[in-house]
Amino acid sequence: MGMSSQDGSDPTLSEINVTPLVDVMLVLLIIFMITAPLMQQGVEVDLPQTKAELIESKDRQPLELRVTKERKIFIGKTEIPYEQLEQKLKFNERLKREKKLDLAADRSLPYGYVVDIMATVRRAGIEAVGILTEPPPPDRGR
């Protein structure tokens, strides 16, 4: 007569088929695994090389200020006009808290221009400025 049992043993309500859900989740996982490395874009800067050892830091990496050979200035991935650089640095919430910044300038830029950028960073209230360089190529002869 179409009546359900009173002990709650109706199999259609207690058993949910999770196979389609697992299939969808696996497809999404594969899509994210493929696209995540493609989203790792940055600003290309030809950094000078040094013979200094790498400094390992356990803290969170400071915000990066990058200057390209075309004299384009980027904070993170956002391009900033030179005229607005000091204002953008002064009002950046992360920089207000941390008071430190890493500077990556292309090796072909004139020394005076890089010093001018560093002076602008200091006027904005940034107390510690790190200079990024490329590590030397590994010795293959040894």
C-alpha atoms as a PDB file:
ATOM      1  CA  MET A   1       0.000   0.000   0.000  1.00  0.00           C
ATOM      2  CA  GLY A   2       2.855   2.430  -0.259  1.00  0.00           C
ATOM      3  CA  MET A   3       3.289   2.975   3.446  1.00  0.00           C
ATOM      4  CA  SER A   4       6.746   3.288   4.909  1.00  0.00           C
ATOM      5  CA  SER A   5       7.924   1.277   7.831  1.00  0.00           C
ATOM      6  CA  GLN A   6       7.904   2.975  11.190  1.00  0.00           C
ATOM      7  CA  ASP A   7      11.395   1.907  12.234  1.00  0.00           C
ATOM      8  CA  GLY A   8      13.011   4.354   9.747  1.00  0.00           C
ATOM      9  CA  SER A   9      14.694   1.684   7.635  1.00  0.00           C
ATOM     10  CA  ASP A  10      13.712   3.187   4.293  1.00  0.00           C
ATOM     11  CA  PRO A  11      16.882   2.656   2.182  1.00  0.00           C
ATOM     12  CA  THR A  12      16.168   5.542  -0.198  1.00  0.00           C
ATOM     13  CA  LEU A  13      16.478   8.159   2.546  1.00  0.00           C
ATOM     14  CA  SER A  14      19.443   6.820   4.476  1.00  0.00           C
ATOM     15  CA  GLU A  15      21.840   6.041   1.611  1.00  0.00           C
ATOM     16  CA  ILE A  16      23.145   8.939  -0.477  1.00  0.00           C
ATOM     17  CA  ASN A  17      25.180   8.176  -3.590  1.00  0.00           C
ATOM     18  CA  VAL A  18      28.406  10.244  -3.295  1.00  0.00           C
ATOM     19  CA  THR A  19      30.041   8.916  -6.464  1.00  0.00           C
ATOM     20  CA  PRO A  20      28.940  11.873  -8.665  1.00  0.00           C
ATOM     21  CA  LEU A  21      30.162  14.317  -6.004  1.00  0.00           C
ATOM     22  CA  VAL A  22      33.569  12.613  -5.863  1.00  0.00           C
ATOM     23  CA  ASP A  23      33.797  12.695  -9.673  1.00  0.00           C
ATOM     24  CA  VAL A  24      33.095  16.427  -9.775  1.00  0.00           C
ATOM     25  CA  MET A  25      35.608  17.109  -7.004  1.00  0.00           C
ATOM     26  CA  LEU A  26      38.343  15.132  -8.794  1.00  0.00           C
ATOM     27  CA  VAL A  27      37.727  17.038 -12.032  1.00  0.00           C
ATOM     28  CA  LEU A  28      37.932  20.360 -10.157  1.00  0.00           C
ATOM     29  CA  LEU A  29      41.135  19.251  -8.427  1.00  0.00           C
ATOM     30  CA  ILE A  30      42.735  18.404 -11.770  1.00  0.00           C
ATOM     31  CA  ILE A  31      41.655  21.740 -13.261  1.00  0.00           C
ATOM     32  CA  PHE A  32      43.169  23.678 -10.336  1.00  0.00           C
ATOM     33  CA  MET A  33      46.377  21.636 -10.445  1.00  0.00           C
ATOM     34  CA  ILE A  34      46.821  22.495 -14.123  1.00  0.00           C
ATOM     35  CA  THR A  35      45.895  26.182 -13.939  1.00  0.00           C
ATOM     36  CA  ALA A  36      47.657  27.129 -10.677  1.00  0.00           C
ATOM     37  CA  PRO A  37      51.199  27.178 -12.152  1.00  0.00           C
ATOM     38  CA  LEU A  38      49.957  29.236 -15.100  1.00  0.00           C
ATOM     39  CA  MET A  39      48.700  31.939 -12.749  1.00  0.00           C
ATOM     40  CA  GLN A  40      52.193  32.495 -11.283  1.00  0.00           C
ATOM     41  CA  GLN A  41      52.888  35.653 -13.270  1.00  0.00           C
ATOM     42  CA  GLY A  42      55.247  38.371 -12.262  1.00  0.00           C
ATOM     43  CA  VAL A  43      57.099  41.362 -13.549  1.00  0.00           C
ATOM     44  CA  GLU A  44      60.296  40.457 -15.380  1.00  0.00           C
ATOM     45  CA  VAL A  45      63.317  42.275 -13.971  1.00  0.00           C
ATOM     46  CA  ASP A  46      66.922  41.455 -14.874  1.00  0.00           C
ATOM     47  CA  LEU A  47      68.509  41.562 -11.413  1.00  0.00           C
ATOM     48  CA  PRO A  48      72.249  42.013 -10.858  1.00  0.00           C
ATOM     49  CA  GLN A  49      74.177  38.963  -9.676  1.00  0.00           C
ATOM     50  CA  THR A  50      76.176  38.821  -6.451  1.00  0.00           C
ATOM     51  CA  LYS A  51      78.359  36.288  -4.694  1.00  0.00           C
ATOM     52  CA  ALA A  52      76.556  36.749  -1.373  1.00  0.00           C
ATOM     53  CA  GLU A  53      74.892  33.785   0.294  1.00  0.00           C
ATOM     54  CA  LEU A  54      71.114  33.503   0.266  1.00  0.00           C
ATOM     55  CA  ILE A  55      69.407  34.722   3.416  1.00  0.00           C
ATOM     56  CA  GLU A  56      66.704  32.365   4.580  1.00  0.00           C
ATOM     57  CA  SER A  57      63.824  34.049   6.336  1.00  0.00           C
ATOM     58  CA  LYS A  58      61.227  32.297   8.449  1.00  0.00           C
ATOM     59  CA  ASP A  59      59.020  35.401   8.494  1.00  0.00           C
ATOM     60  CA  ARG A  60      56.557  36.418   5.844  1.00  0.00           C
ATOM     61  CA  GLN A  61      58.299  37.940   2.818  1.00  0.00           C
ATOM     62  CA  PRO A  62      58.082  41.756   2.617  1.00  0.00           C
ATOM     63  CA  LEU A  63      56.180  43.472  -0.155  1.00  0.00           C
ATOM     64  CA  GLU A  64      58.213  43.846  -3.360  1.00  0.00           C
ATOM     65  CA  LEU A  65      58.773  47.039  -5.302  1.00  0.00           C
ATOM     66  CA  ARG A  66      59.971  46.174  -8.826  1.00  0.00           C
ATOM     67  CA  VAL A  67      61.417  48.615 -11.364  1.00  0.00           C
ATOM     68  CA  THR A  68      61.733  47.397 -14.961  1.00  0.00           C
ATOM     69  CA  LYS A  69      64.273  48.559 -17.535  1.00  0.00           C
ATOM     70  CA  GLU A  70      61.481  50.661 -19.087  1.00  0.00           C
ATOM     71  CA  ARG A  71      61.280  52.463 -15.690  1.00  0.00           C
ATOM     72  CA  LYS A  72      57.859  51.018 -14.943  1.00  0.00           C
ATOM     73  CA  ILE A  73      57.292  50.670 -11.198  1.00  0.00           C
ATOM     74  CA  PHE A  74      55.254  47.840  -9.680  1.00  0.00           C
ATOM     75  CA  ILE A  75      54.139  47.238  -6.101  1.00  0.00           C
ATOM     76  CA  GLY A  76      53.428  43.526  -6.136  1.00  0.00           C
ATOM     77  CA  LYS A  77      51.745  43.160  -9.551  1.00  0.00           C
ATOM     78  CA  THR A  78      50.171  46.632  -9.655  1.00  0.00           C
ATOM     79  CA  GLU A  79      51.838  49.253 -11.846  1.00  0.00           C
ATOM     80  CA  ILE A  80      52.288  52.618 -10.131  1.00  0.00           C
ATOM     81  CA  PRO A  81      53.191  55.870 -11.922  1.00  0.00           C
ATOM     82  CA  TYR A  82      56.397  57.428 -10.558  1.00  0.00           C
ATOM     83  CA  GLU A  83      54.529  60.589  -9.560  1.00  0.00           C
ATOM     84  CA  GLN A  84      52.163  58.573  -7.304  1.00  0.00           C
ATOM     85  CA  LEU A  85      54.764  56.247  -5.778  1.00  0.00           C
ATOM     86  CA  GLU A  86      55.280  58.085  -2.485  1.00  0.00           C
ATOM     87  CA  GLN A  87      51.529  58.482  -1.885  1.00  0.00           C
ATOM     88  CA  LYS A  88      50.811  54.812  -2.674  1.00  0.00           C
ATOM     89  CA  LEU A  89      53.570  53.689  -0.310  1.00  0.00           C
ATOM     90  CA  LYS A  90      52.412  55.999   2.482  1.00  0.00           C
ATOM     91  CA  PHE A  91      48.847  54.715   2.384  1.00  0.00           C
ATOM     92  CA  ASN A  92      49.564  51.005   1.876  1.00  0.00           C
ATOM     93  CA  GLU A  93      48.185  49.243   4.968  1.00  0.00           C
ATOM     94  CA  ARG A  94      50.704  46.389   4.897  1.00  0.00           C
ATOM     95  CA  LEU A  95      53.646  48.799   4.661  1.00  0.00           C
ATOM     96  CA  LYS A  96      52.251  50.874   7.536  1.00  0.00           C
ATOM     97  CA  ARG A  97      52.385  47.761   9.733  1.00  0.00           C
ATOM     98  CA  GLU A  98      55.623  46.122   8.570  1.00  0.00           C
ATOM     99  CA  LYS A  99      57.730  49.199   7.656  1.00  0.00           C
ATOM    100  CA  LYS A 100      59.878  47.094   5.298  1.00  0.00           C
ATOM    101  CA  LEU A 101      60.051  46.589   1.558  1.00  0.00           C
ATOM    102  CA  ASP A 102      62.187  44.652  -0.941  1.00  0.00           C
ATOM    103  CA  LEU A 103      63.426  46.570  -3.990  1.00  0.00           C
ATOM    104  CA  ALA A 104      64.159  44.728  -7.241  1.00  0.00           C
ATOM    105  CA  ALA A 105      65.560  47.079  -9.900  1.00  0.00           C
ATOM    106  CA  ASP A 106      66.702  46.050 -13.368  1.00  0.00           C
ATOM    107  CA  ARG A 107      70.490  46.031 -13.709  1.00  0.00           C
ATOM    108  CA  SER A 108      70.399  48.324 -16.757  1.00  0.00           C
ATOM    109  CA  LEU A 109      68.820  51.212 -14.824  1.00  0.00           C
ATOM    110  CA  PRO A 110      71.066  54.181 -13.997  1.00  0.00           C
ATOM    111  CA  TYR A 111      72.344  54.220 -10.426  1.00  0.00           C
ATOM    112  CA  GLY A 112      70.885  57.682  -9.826  1.00  0.00           C
ATOM    113  CA  TYR A 113      67.383  56.550 -10.768  1.00  0.00           C
ATOM    114  CA  VAL A 114      67.500  53.610  -8.341  1.00  0.00           C
ATOM    115  CA  VAL A 115      68.797  55.892  -5.566  1.00  0.00           C
ATOM    116  CA  ASP A 116      65.955  58.304  -6.311  1.00  0.00           C
ATOM    117  CA  ILE A 117      63.435  55.445  -5.939  1.00  0.00           C
ATOM    118  CA  MET A 118      65.073  54.453  -2.641  1.00  0.00           C
ATOM    119  CA  ALA A 119      64.848  58.051  -1.389  1.00  0.00           C
ATOM    120  CA  THR A 120      61.150  58.114  -2.293  1.00  0.00           C
ATOM    121  CA  VAL A 121      60.648  54.874  -0.358  1.00  0.00           C
ATOM    122  CA  ARG A 122      62.367  56.361   2.694  1.00  0.00           C
ATOM    123  CA  ARG A 123      60.276  59.569   2.478  1.00  0.00           C
ATOM    124  CA  ALA A 124      57.169  57.348   2.518  1.00  0.00           C
ATOM    125  CA  GLY A 125      58.190  56.104   5.977  1.00  0.00           C
ATOM    126  CA  ILE A 126      59.601  52.690   5.061  1.00  0.00           C
ATOM    127  CA  GLU A 127      62.368  51.989   7.574  1.00  0.00           C
ATOM    128  CA  ALA A 128      63.967  48.882   6.051  1.00  0.00           C
ATOM    129  CA  VAL A 129      64.652  48.479   2.336  1.00  0.00           C
ATOM    130  CA  GLY A 130      66.044  45.175   1.091  1.00  0.00           C
ATOM    131  CA  ILE A 131      67.833  45.049  -2.263  1.00  0.00           C
ATOM    132  CA  LEU A 132      67.069  41.896  -4.281  1.00  0.00           C
ATOM    133  CA  THR A 133      69.780  40.320  -6.436  1.00  0.00           C
ATOM    134  CA  GLU A 134      70.179  37.096  -8.380  1.00  0.00           C
ATOM    135  CA  PRO A 135      72.268  34.363  -6.777  1.00  0.00           C
ATOM    136  CA  PRO A 136      75.411  33.428  -8.715  1.00  0.00           C
ATOM    137  CA  PRO A 137      75.120  30.499 -11.105  1.00  0.00           C
ATOM    138  CA  PRO A 138      76.195  27.200  -9.553  1.00  0.00           C
ATOM    139  CA  ASP A 139      79.795  26.116 -10.204  1.00  0.00           C
ATOM    140  CA  ARG A 140      79.607  23.202 -12.606  1.00  0.00           C
ATOM    141  CA  GLY A 141      83.351  22.597 -12.657  1.00  0.00           C
ATOM    142  CA  ARG A 142      83.554  21.337  -9.081  1.00  0.00           C
END
